[in-house]
Amino acid sequence: MPQITIDYSGLMEDAFDREGFARALHEAIVEIAAAKPEACKTQFRPSALTAFGYEDPGARGHAVAHVTIGLLAGRPDETKARLTRRAVELLREHVTGGAFALHASAEIRDLDPSYRKSDA
């Protein structure tokens, strides 16, 4: 915990500083949600094809990035909202120079009580 996934349009590949984003997001999660730094785990999942509205799915004018953060239950809604706002800000800071409009979003979900992890 936290379990973090970032789904993003593959056309962002060269414009997305994933390493810098992960570090900054981990720092924000530690600060805002009181998580331990070593508990932050992030996976990036590029999407080969992204459709936007009614446009041709192959059009290169739009990119989508969505951050999902799974936290243990119990954090107040205000904390979650503050963290999602920060995640979207960080996306905008770490996606630069692309010839596309970035549609950035983020959400927090409570991990199910059945959640378990192994460090081995």
C-alpha atoms as a PDB file:
ATOM      1  CA  MET A   1       0.000   0.000   0.000  1.00  0.00           C
ATOM      2  CA  PRO A   2      -0.362   2.391  -1.740  1.00  0.00           C
ATOM      3  CA  GLN A   3      -0.890   0.601  -5.045  1.00  0.00           C
ATOM      4  CA  ILE A   4      -0.604   3.088  -7.900  1.00  0.00           C
ATOM      5  CA  THR A   5      -1.298   2.573 -11.597  1.00  0.00           C
ATOM      6  CA  ILE A   6      -1.007   5.111 -14.363  1.00  0.00           C
ATOM      7  CA  ASP A   7      -2.799   4.322 -17.617  1.00  0.00           C
ATOM      8  CA  TYR A   8      -1.724   6.636 -20.403  1.00  0.00           C
ATOM      9  CA  SER A   9      -1.853   7.069 -24.160  1.00  0.00           C
ATOM     10  CA  GLY A  10       1.199   5.580 -25.800  1.00  0.00           C
ATOM     11  CA  LEU A  11       1.684   8.700 -27.898  1.00  0.00           C
ATOM     12  CA  MET A  12       2.780  10.419 -24.668  1.00  0.00           C
ATOM     13  CA  GLU A  13       5.785   8.087 -24.323  1.00  0.00           C
ATOM     14  CA  ASP A  14       8.449  10.633 -25.285  1.00  0.00           C
ATOM     15  CA  ALA A  15       6.764  13.543 -23.499  1.00  0.00           C
ATOM     16  CA  PHE A  16       6.116  11.806 -20.151  1.00  0.00           C
ATOM     17  CA  ASP A  17       8.822  11.936 -17.468  1.00  0.00           C
ATOM     18  CA  ARG A  18       7.596   8.805 -15.720  1.00  0.00           C
ATOM     19  CA  GLU A  19      10.510   8.538 -13.305  1.00  0.00           C
ATOM     20  CA  GLY A  20      10.141  12.144 -12.149  1.00  0.00           C
ATOM     21  CA  PHE A  21       6.378  11.780 -11.922  1.00  0.00           C
ATOM     22  CA  ALA A  22       6.603   8.634  -9.786  1.00  0.00           C
ATOM     23  CA  ARG A  23       9.055  10.246  -7.371  1.00  0.00           C
ATOM     24  CA  ALA A  24       6.962  13.414  -7.042  1.00  0.00           C
ATOM     25  CA  LEU A  25       3.734  11.429  -6.633  1.00  0.00           C
ATOM     26  CA  HIS A  26       5.288   9.213  -3.962  1.00  0.00           C
ATOM     27  CA  GLU A  27       6.422  12.326  -2.089  1.00  0.00           C
ATOM     28  CA  ALA A  28       2.898  13.771  -2.321  1.00  0.00           C
ATOM     29  CA  ILE A  29       1.336  10.540  -1.049  1.00  0.00           C
ATOM     30  CA  VAL A  30       3.736  10.463   1.911  1.00  0.00           C
ATOM     31  CA  GLU A  31       2.987  14.114   2.717  1.00  0.00           C
ATOM     32  CA  ILE A  32      -0.769  14.140   2.133  1.00  0.00           C
ATOM     33  CA  ALA A  33      -1.870  10.588   2.997  1.00  0.00           C
ATOM     34  CA  ALA A  34       0.788   9.758   5.616  1.00  0.00           C
ATOM     35  CA  ALA A  35       2.015   6.688   3.728  1.00  0.00           C
ATOM     36  CA  LYS A  36       5.516   5.291   4.205  1.00  0.00           C
ATOM     37  CA  PRO A  37       7.868   6.017   1.283  1.00  0.00           C
ATOM     38  CA  GLU A  38       8.893   2.372   0.905  1.00  0.00           C
ATOM     39  CA  ALA A  39       5.226   1.354   0.645  1.00  0.00           C
ATOM     40  CA  CYS A  40       4.617   3.351  -2.561  1.00  0.00           C
ATOM     41  CA  LYS A  41       4.552   1.129  -5.645  1.00  0.00           C
ATOM     42  CA  THR A  42       3.753   2.455  -9.114  1.00  0.00           C
ATOM     43  CA  GLN A  43       3.086   0.711 -12.420  1.00  0.00           C
ATOM     44  CA  PHE A  44       2.869   2.529 -15.739  1.00  0.00           C
ATOM     45  CA  ARG A  45       0.611   1.058 -18.423  1.00  0.00           C
ATOM     46  CA  PRO A  46       0.843   2.659 -21.869  1.00  0.00           C
ATOM     47  CA  SER A  47      -2.095   2.144 -24.181  1.00  0.00           C
ATOM     48  CA  ALA A  48      -1.397   1.552 -27.868  1.00  0.00           C
ATOM     49  CA  LEU A  49      -4.704   3.105 -28.890  1.00  0.00           C
ATOM     50  CA  THR A  50      -6.776   5.791 -27.193  1.00  0.00           C
ATOM     51  CA  ALA A  51     -10.175   6.959 -28.471  1.00  0.00           C
ATOM     52  CA  PHE A  52     -11.423  10.411 -27.571  1.00  0.00           C
ATOM     53  CA  GLY A  53     -15.022  11.484 -28.125  1.00  0.00           C
ATOM     54  CA  TYR A  54     -16.168  10.922 -31.694  1.00  0.00           C
ATOM     55  CA  GLU A  55     -12.734  11.362 -33.214  1.00  0.00           C
ATOM     56  CA  ASP A  56     -10.972   8.704 -35.240  1.00  0.00           C
ATOM     57  CA  PRO A  57      -9.227   6.447 -32.675  1.00  0.00           C
ATOM     58  CA  GLY A  58      -5.990   6.903 -34.615  1.00  0.00           C
ATOM     59  CA  ALA A  59      -6.081  10.711 -34.359  1.00  0.00           C
ATOM     60  CA  ARG A  60      -3.045  12.069 -32.548  1.00  0.00           C
ATOM     61  CA  GLY A  61      -4.537  15.294 -31.178  1.00  0.00           C
ATOM     62  CA  HIS A  62      -5.473  13.997 -27.716  1.00  0.00           C
ATOM     63  CA  ALA A  63      -3.745  12.021 -24.994  1.00  0.00           C
ATOM     64  CA  VAL A  64      -5.326  10.550 -21.884  1.00  0.00           C
ATOM     65  CA  ALA A  65      -3.604   9.880 -18.560  1.00  0.00           C
ATOM     66  CA  HIS A  66      -5.444   8.439 -15.568  1.00  0.00           C
ATOM     67  CA  VAL A  67      -3.916   7.820 -12.138  1.00  0.00           C
ATOM     68  CA  THR A  68      -5.501   5.285  -9.789  1.00  0.00           C
ATOM     69  CA  ILE A  69      -4.252   5.223  -6.210  1.00  0.00           C
ATOM     70  CA  GLY A  70      -5.320   2.363  -3.959  1.00  0.00           C
ATOM     71  CA  LEU A  71      -5.049   3.181  -0.255  1.00  0.00           C
ATOM     72  CA  LEU A  72      -6.049   1.334   2.871  1.00  0.00           C
ATOM     73  CA  ALA A  73      -9.507   2.490   3.925  1.00  0.00           C
ATOM     74  CA  GLY A  74     -10.042   5.218   6.479  1.00  0.00           C
ATOM     75  CA  ARG A  75      -8.699   8.381   4.926  1.00  0.00           C
ATOM     76  CA  PRO A  76     -11.108  11.343   4.896  1.00  0.00           C
ATOM     77  CA  ASP A  77     -12.638  12.526   1.616  1.00  0.00           C
ATOM     78  CA  GLU A  78     -10.786  15.842   1.959  1.00  0.00           C
ATOM     79  CA  THR A  79      -7.433  14.009   2.032  1.00  0.00           C
ATOM     80  CA  LYS A  80      -8.393  11.974  -1.033  1.00  0.00           C
ATOM     81  CA  ALA A  81      -9.516  15.095  -2.930  1.00  0.00           C
ATOM     82  CA  ARG A  82      -6.307  16.924  -2.047  1.00  0.00           C
ATOM     83  CA  LEU A  83      -4.245  13.980  -3.262  1.00  0.00           C
ATOM     84  CA  THR A  84      -6.105  13.625  -6.570  1.00  0.00           C
ATOM     85  CA  ARG A  85      -5.756  17.360  -7.232  1.00  0.00           C
ATOM     86  CA  ARG A  86      -2.019  17.052  -6.637  1.00  0.00           C
ATOM     87  CA  ALA A  87      -1.748  13.964  -8.874  1.00  0.00           C
ATOM     88  CA  VAL A  88      -3.380  15.836 -11.773  1.00  0.00           C
ATOM     89  CA  GLU A  89      -1.083  18.834 -11.201  1.00  0.00           C
ATOM     90  CA  LEU A  90       1.933  16.518 -11.248  1.00  0.00           C
ATOM     91  CA  LEU A  91       0.792  14.913 -14.500  1.00  0.00           C
ATOM     92  CA  ARG A  92       0.634  18.358 -16.101  1.00  0.00           C
ATOM     93  CA  GLU A  93       4.142  19.148 -14.783  1.00  0.00           C
ATOM     94  CA  HIS A  94       5.686  15.883 -16.013  1.00  0.00           C
ATOM     95  CA  VAL A  95       4.065  15.625 -19.446  1.00  0.00           C
ATOM     96  CA  THR A  96       5.699  18.272 -21.593  1.00  0.00           C
ATOM     97  CA  GLY A  97       6.457  18.991 -25.209  1.00  0.00           C
ATOM     98  CA  GLY A  98       3.914  16.675 -26.803  1.00  0.00           C
ATOM     99  CA  ALA A  99       1.863  17.698 -29.832  1.00  0.00           C
ATOM    100  CA  PHE A 100      -1.416  16.756 -28.160  1.00  0.00           C
ATOM    101  CA  ALA A 101      -3.990  17.987 -25.674  1.00  0.00           C
ATOM    102  CA  LEU A 102      -3.580  16.167 -22.359  1.00  0.00           C
ATOM    103  CA  HIS A 103      -6.716  14.936 -20.601  1.00  0.00           C
ATOM    104  CA  ALA A 104      -5.523  14.151 -17.077  1.00  0.00           C
ATOM    105  CA  SER A 105      -7.529  12.574 -14.265  1.00  0.00           C
ATOM    106  CA  ALA A 106      -6.988  10.788 -10.964  1.00  0.00           C
ATOM    107  CA  GLU A 107      -8.963   8.821  -8.421  1.00  0.00           C
ATOM    108  CA  ILE A 108      -8.454   7.249  -5.027  1.00  0.00           C
ATOM    109  CA  ARG A 109      -9.971   3.910  -4.227  1.00  0.00           C
ATOM    110  CA  ASP A 110     -10.031   2.128  -0.912  1.00  0.00           C
ATOM    111  CA  LEU A 111      -8.277  -1.214  -1.029  1.00  0.00           C
ATOM    112  CA  ASP A 112     -10.590  -4.106  -0.285  1.00  0.00           C
ATOM    113  CA  PRO A 113     -10.310  -5.563   3.244  1.00  0.00           C
ATOM    114  CA  SER A 114      -9.002  -8.751   1.613  1.00  0.00           C
ATOM    115  CA  TYR A 115      -5.867  -6.907   0.409  1.00  0.00           C
ATOM    116  CA  ARG A 116      -2.617  -8.650   1.303  1.00  0.00           C
ATOM    117  CA  LYS A 117       0.953  -8.119   0.188  1.00  0.00           C
ATOM    118  CA  SER A 118       4.227  -9.962   0.264  1.00  0.00           C
ATOM    119  CA  ASP A 119       7.629  -8.312   0.397  1.00  0.00           C
ATOM    120  CA  ALA A 120       9.461 -11.484  -0.622  1.00  0.00           C
END
